[in-house]
Amino acid sequence: MDTVRYVLAIVLLVGMPVSIGLWYGIHPMARFWRRIGPAWTYTVLAVPSGLIVWLLWRARDVLLGADLGTQPALLAVAVPSVLAGAAIQRLRRRQLPCRVLSGIPELSSRDAGRLVTEGIYARIRNPRYVELLVFVLAYVAFANYAGIWVLYALCFPAIHAVVLLEERELAERFGDEYRDYCGRVPRYIPRRRMRSS
């Protein structure tokens, strides 16, 4: 069990900053990346991503910090978090397939995609980020290393900043249609549905 927790902690340590960091590389420069296309974009961004992975790997033991051990109370948090993340993922996949999730519409000059406003996207604008945070909570609770908890806490402001960059890019791409959608649908937490009388 300790080996599994350690490996999972390293995957989180290396994977979270790189996956979130990619969007910092994409959204502010979306117009530029559209000119060179998705394949070249990811080829160019692979270089700094690989460097970050290498640096995090080299510093893994320092960054992981103390092993806080297996905690039954945290395992009790991990299980419902996995179930909740899987439920959000199932609903999100209906509207957002892997092609869109990987950023192809943001990076393509020929396929701007479409604004998704149905299904779970009619309730919240950013289910993929909520899904990510819920899933990662489960993994962090299971791994239970001090450094991973700090990294998880840092994910909240980092992801919120990515969302703000993405919103700016979507407003440029879809204009008033997107701004109207933002006025109707909250970012992260769905509004309570009003009961009809």
Protein backbone atom coordinates (compact mmCIF):
# COMPACT_ATOMS: atom_id res chain seq x y z
CA MET A 1 0.00 0.00 0.00
CA ASP A 2 2.82 2.43 0.85
CA THR A 3 4.43 1.87 -2.55
CA VAL A 4 1.14 2.52 -4.34
CA ARG A 5 0.61 5.73 -2.35
CA TYR A 6 4.18 6.87 -3.11
CA VAL A 7 3.83 6.23 -6.86
CA LEU A 8 0.46 7.99 -6.92
CA ALA A 9 1.96 10.95 -5.04
CA ILE A 10 4.74 11.23 -7.66
CA VAL A 11 2.20 11.05 -10.51
CA LEU A 12 0.24 13.88 -8.87
CA LEU A 13 3.40 15.90 -8.19
CA VAL A 14 4.54 15.67 -11.80
CA GLY A 15 1.18 15.54 -13.57
CA MET A 16 -0.83 18.33 -11.96
CA PRO A 17 1.55 21.24 -12.62
CA VAL A 18 2.21 20.12 -16.20
CA SER A 19 -1.43 19.54 -17.12
CA ILE A 20 -2.55 22.86 -15.62
CA GLY A 21 0.55 24.64 -16.92
CA LEU A 22 -0.20 23.62 -20.52
CA TRP A 23 -3.33 25.75 -20.46
CA TYR A 24 -1.27 28.74 -19.28
CA GLY A 25 0.79 28.22 -22.40
CA ILE A 26 -2.23 27.88 -24.67
CA HIS A 27 -4.95 30.35 -23.66
CA PRO A 28 -3.00 33.63 -23.54
CA MET A 29 -1.50 32.90 -26.97
CA ALA A 30 -4.44 31.13 -28.64
CA ARG A 31 -4.34 33.36 -31.74
CA PHE A 32 -0.68 32.57 -32.31
CA TRP A 33 -1.17 28.83 -31.78
CA ARG A 34 -4.08 28.79 -34.24
CA ARG A 35 -1.70 29.97 -36.95
CA ILE A 36 0.64 27.01 -36.43
CA GLY A 37 -2.02 24.41 -35.57
CA PRO A 38 -2.50 21.80 -32.83
CA ALA A 39 0.32 19.42 -33.80
CA TRP A 40 3.01 22.12 -33.76
CA THR A 41 1.56 23.73 -30.66
CA TYR A 42 1.84 20.56 -28.64
CA THR A 43 5.26 19.82 -30.11
CA VAL A 44 6.55 23.25 -29.03
CA LEU A 45 4.92 23.03 -25.58
CA ALA A 46 6.33 19.51 -25.04
CA VAL A 47 9.79 21.01 -24.51
CA PRO A 48 9.02 23.15 -21.43
CA SER A 49 6.59 20.48 -20.19
CA GLY A 50 9.32 17.85 -20.38
CA LEU A 51 11.73 20.14 -18.55
CA ILE A 52 9.17 20.74 -15.78
CA VAL A 53 8.56 16.98 -15.46
CA TRP A 54 12.31 16.38 -15.19
CA LEU A 55 12.79 19.11 -12.57
CA LEU A 56 9.86 17.89 -10.47
CA TRP A 57 11.10 14.31 -10.72
CA ARG A 58 14.59 15.35 -9.57
CA ALA A 59 13.14 17.22 -6.57
CA ARG A 60 10.39 14.68 -5.83
CA ASP A 61 11.47 13.62 -2.34
CA VAL A 62 11.85 17.20 -1.12
CA LEU A 63 8.59 18.33 -2.76
CA LEU A 64 6.55 15.35 -1.53
CA GLY A 65 7.43 16.19 2.06
CA ALA A 66 6.29 14.02 4.93
CA ASP A 67 4.43 10.78 4.32
CA LEU A 68 1.34 11.19 6.48
CA GLY A 69 0.42 7.52 6.19
CA THR A 70 -2.78 5.74 5.35
CA GLN A 71 -5.69 7.38 7.16
CA PRO A 72 -9.07 5.59 7.23
CA ALA A 73 -10.91 8.93 7.53
CA LEU A 74 -9.22 10.16 4.35
CA LEU A 75 -10.02 6.91 2.56
CA ALA A 76 -13.64 7.62 3.50
CA VAL A 77 -13.26 10.95 1.67
CA ALA A 78 -11.50 9.37 -1.33
CA VAL A 79 -14.23 6.87 -2.20
CA PRO A 80 -17.14 9.34 -2.54
CA SER A 81 -14.80 11.76 -4.34
CA VAL A 82 -14.00 9.13 -6.96
CA LEU A 83 -17.71 8.37 -7.37
CA ALA A 84 -18.61 12.06 -7.66
CA GLY A 85 -15.77 12.68 -10.12
CA ALA A 86 -16.88 9.72 -12.24
CA ALA A 87 -20.47 10.99 -12.28
CA ILE A 88 -19.37 14.46 -13.41
CA GLN A 89 -17.05 12.91 -15.99
CA ARG A 90 -19.86 10.78 -17.43
CA LEU A 91 -22.09 13.85 -17.83
CA ARG A 92 -19.25 16.00 -19.19
CA ARG A 93 -18.21 13.42 -21.80
CA ARG A 94 -21.64 13.59 -23.40
CA GLN A 95 -20.92 17.16 -24.50
CA LEU A 96 -17.14 17.39 -24.43
CA PRO A 97 -15.32 14.55 -26.20
CA CYS A 98 -11.54 14.03 -25.94
CA ARG A 99 -10.90 15.98 -29.17
CA VAL A 100 -12.44 19.10 -27.65
CA LEU A 101 -11.01 18.42 -24.18
CA SER A 102 -7.50 18.32 -25.67
CA GLY A 103 -7.92 21.86 -27.01
CA ILE A 104 -8.28 21.23 -30.75
CA PRO A 105 -10.90 24.01 -31.25
CA GLU A 106 -8.71 26.53 -29.40
CA LEU A 107 -5.74 25.60 -31.58
CA SER A 108 -7.32 25.07 -34.99
CA SER A 109 -7.71 27.79 -37.61
CA ARG A 110 -10.22 25.66 -39.52
CA ASP A 111 -12.40 24.32 -36.69
CA ALA A 112 -13.42 26.91 -34.09
CA GLY A 113 -15.76 24.36 -32.52
CA ARG A 114 -19.11 25.30 -31.08
CA LEU A 115 -20.22 26.75 -27.78
CA VAL A 116 -21.44 23.90 -25.58
CA THR A 117 -24.42 24.98 -23.47
CA GLU A 118 -26.45 21.80 -23.01
CA GLY A 119 -26.37 18.90 -20.57
CA ILE A 120 -24.18 19.55 -17.54
CA TYR A 121 -23.00 22.75 -19.28
CA ALA A 122 -26.51 24.13 -18.79
CA ARG A 123 -25.91 23.90 -15.02
CA ILE A 124 -22.24 24.95 -14.69
CA ARG A 125 -19.79 26.39 -17.21
CA ASN A 126 -16.70 24.49 -16.09
CA PRO A 127 -17.56 20.90 -15.19
CA ARG A 128 -14.22 19.57 -16.43
CA TYR A 129 -12.35 21.67 -13.84
CA VAL A 130 -14.77 20.69 -11.08
CA GLU A 131 -14.34 17.07 -12.18
CA LEU A 132 -10.56 17.44 -12.04
CA LEU A 133 -10.57 18.92 -8.53
CA VAL A 134 -12.96 16.25 -7.22
CA PHE A 135 -10.94 13.39 -8.72
CA VAL A 136 -7.65 14.86 -7.52
CA LEU A 137 -9.05 15.19 -3.99
CA ALA A 138 -9.61 11.43 -3.99
CA TYR A 139 -6.05 10.73 -5.14
CA VAL A 140 -4.51 13.25 -2.72
CA ALA A 141 -6.50 11.82 0.20
CA PHE A 142 -5.34 8.32 -0.69
CA ALA A 143 -1.66 9.27 -1.27
CA ASN A 144 -1.58 11.56 1.80
CA TYR A 145 1.77 13.30 1.48
CA ALA A 146 2.18 16.80 2.92
CA GLY A 147 3.55 18.28 -0.31
CA ILE A 148 0.67 16.88 -2.35
CA TRP A 149 -1.83 18.57 -0.01
CA VAL A 150 -0.02 21.88 -0.55
CA LEU A 151 -0.04 21.30 -4.31
CA TYR A 152 -3.76 20.51 -4.20
CA ALA A 153 -4.47 23.76 -2.34
CA LEU A 154 -2.50 25.64 -5.01
CA CYS A 155 -4.62 24.01 -7.72
CA PHE A 156 -7.65 26.11 -6.76
CA PRO A 157 -6.22 29.54 -7.60
CA ALA A 158 -4.23 28.09 -10.52
CA ILE A 159 -7.31 26.54 -12.10
CA HIS A 160 -9.41 29.63 -11.45
CA ALA A 161 -6.81 31.72 -13.30
CA VAL A 162 -6.90 29.24 -16.21
CA VAL A 163 -10.71 29.57 -16.27
CA LEU A 164 -10.42 33.36 -16.49
CA LEU A 165 -7.99 33.04 -19.41
CA GLU A 166 -10.27 30.52 -21.09
CA GLU A 167 -13.30 32.77 -20.62
CA ARG A 168 -11.48 35.62 -22.33
CA GLU A 169 -10.57 33.34 -25.24
CA LEU A 170 -14.15 32.00 -25.51
CA ALA A 171 -15.55 35.55 -25.47
CA GLU A 172 -13.24 36.40 -28.39
CA ARG A 173 -14.30 33.29 -30.27
CA PHE A 174 -18.06 33.34 -29.60
CA GLY A 175 -18.79 36.98 -28.68
CA ASP A 176 -22.25 37.85 -27.33
CA GLU A 177 -23.40 34.24 -27.44
CA TYR A 178 -20.77 33.38 -24.82
CA ARG A 179 -21.37 36.51 -22.74
CA ASP A 180 -25.11 35.71 -22.62
CA TYR A 181 -24.28 32.15 -21.57
CA CYS A 182 -22.06 33.48 -18.74
CA GLY A 183 -24.96 35.59 -17.53
CA ARG A 184 -27.25 32.54 -17.32
CA VAL A 185 -24.95 29.80 -16.03
CA PRO A 186 -22.60 29.94 -13.00
CA ARG A 187 -18.92 29.01 -13.25
CA TYR A 188 -18.58 26.16 -10.76
CA ILE A 189 -21.55 25.62 -8.45
CA PRO A 190 -25.00 25.06 -9.94
CA ARG A 191 -27.84 27.23 -8.77
CA ARG A 192 -30.67 25.54 -6.97
CA ARG A 193 -33.52 24.82 -9.31
CA MET A 194 -36.69 26.70 -8.45
CA ARG A 195 -39.73 24.50 -7.97
CA SER A 196 -42.67 25.31 -10.17
CA SER A 197 -45.85 26.26 -8.30
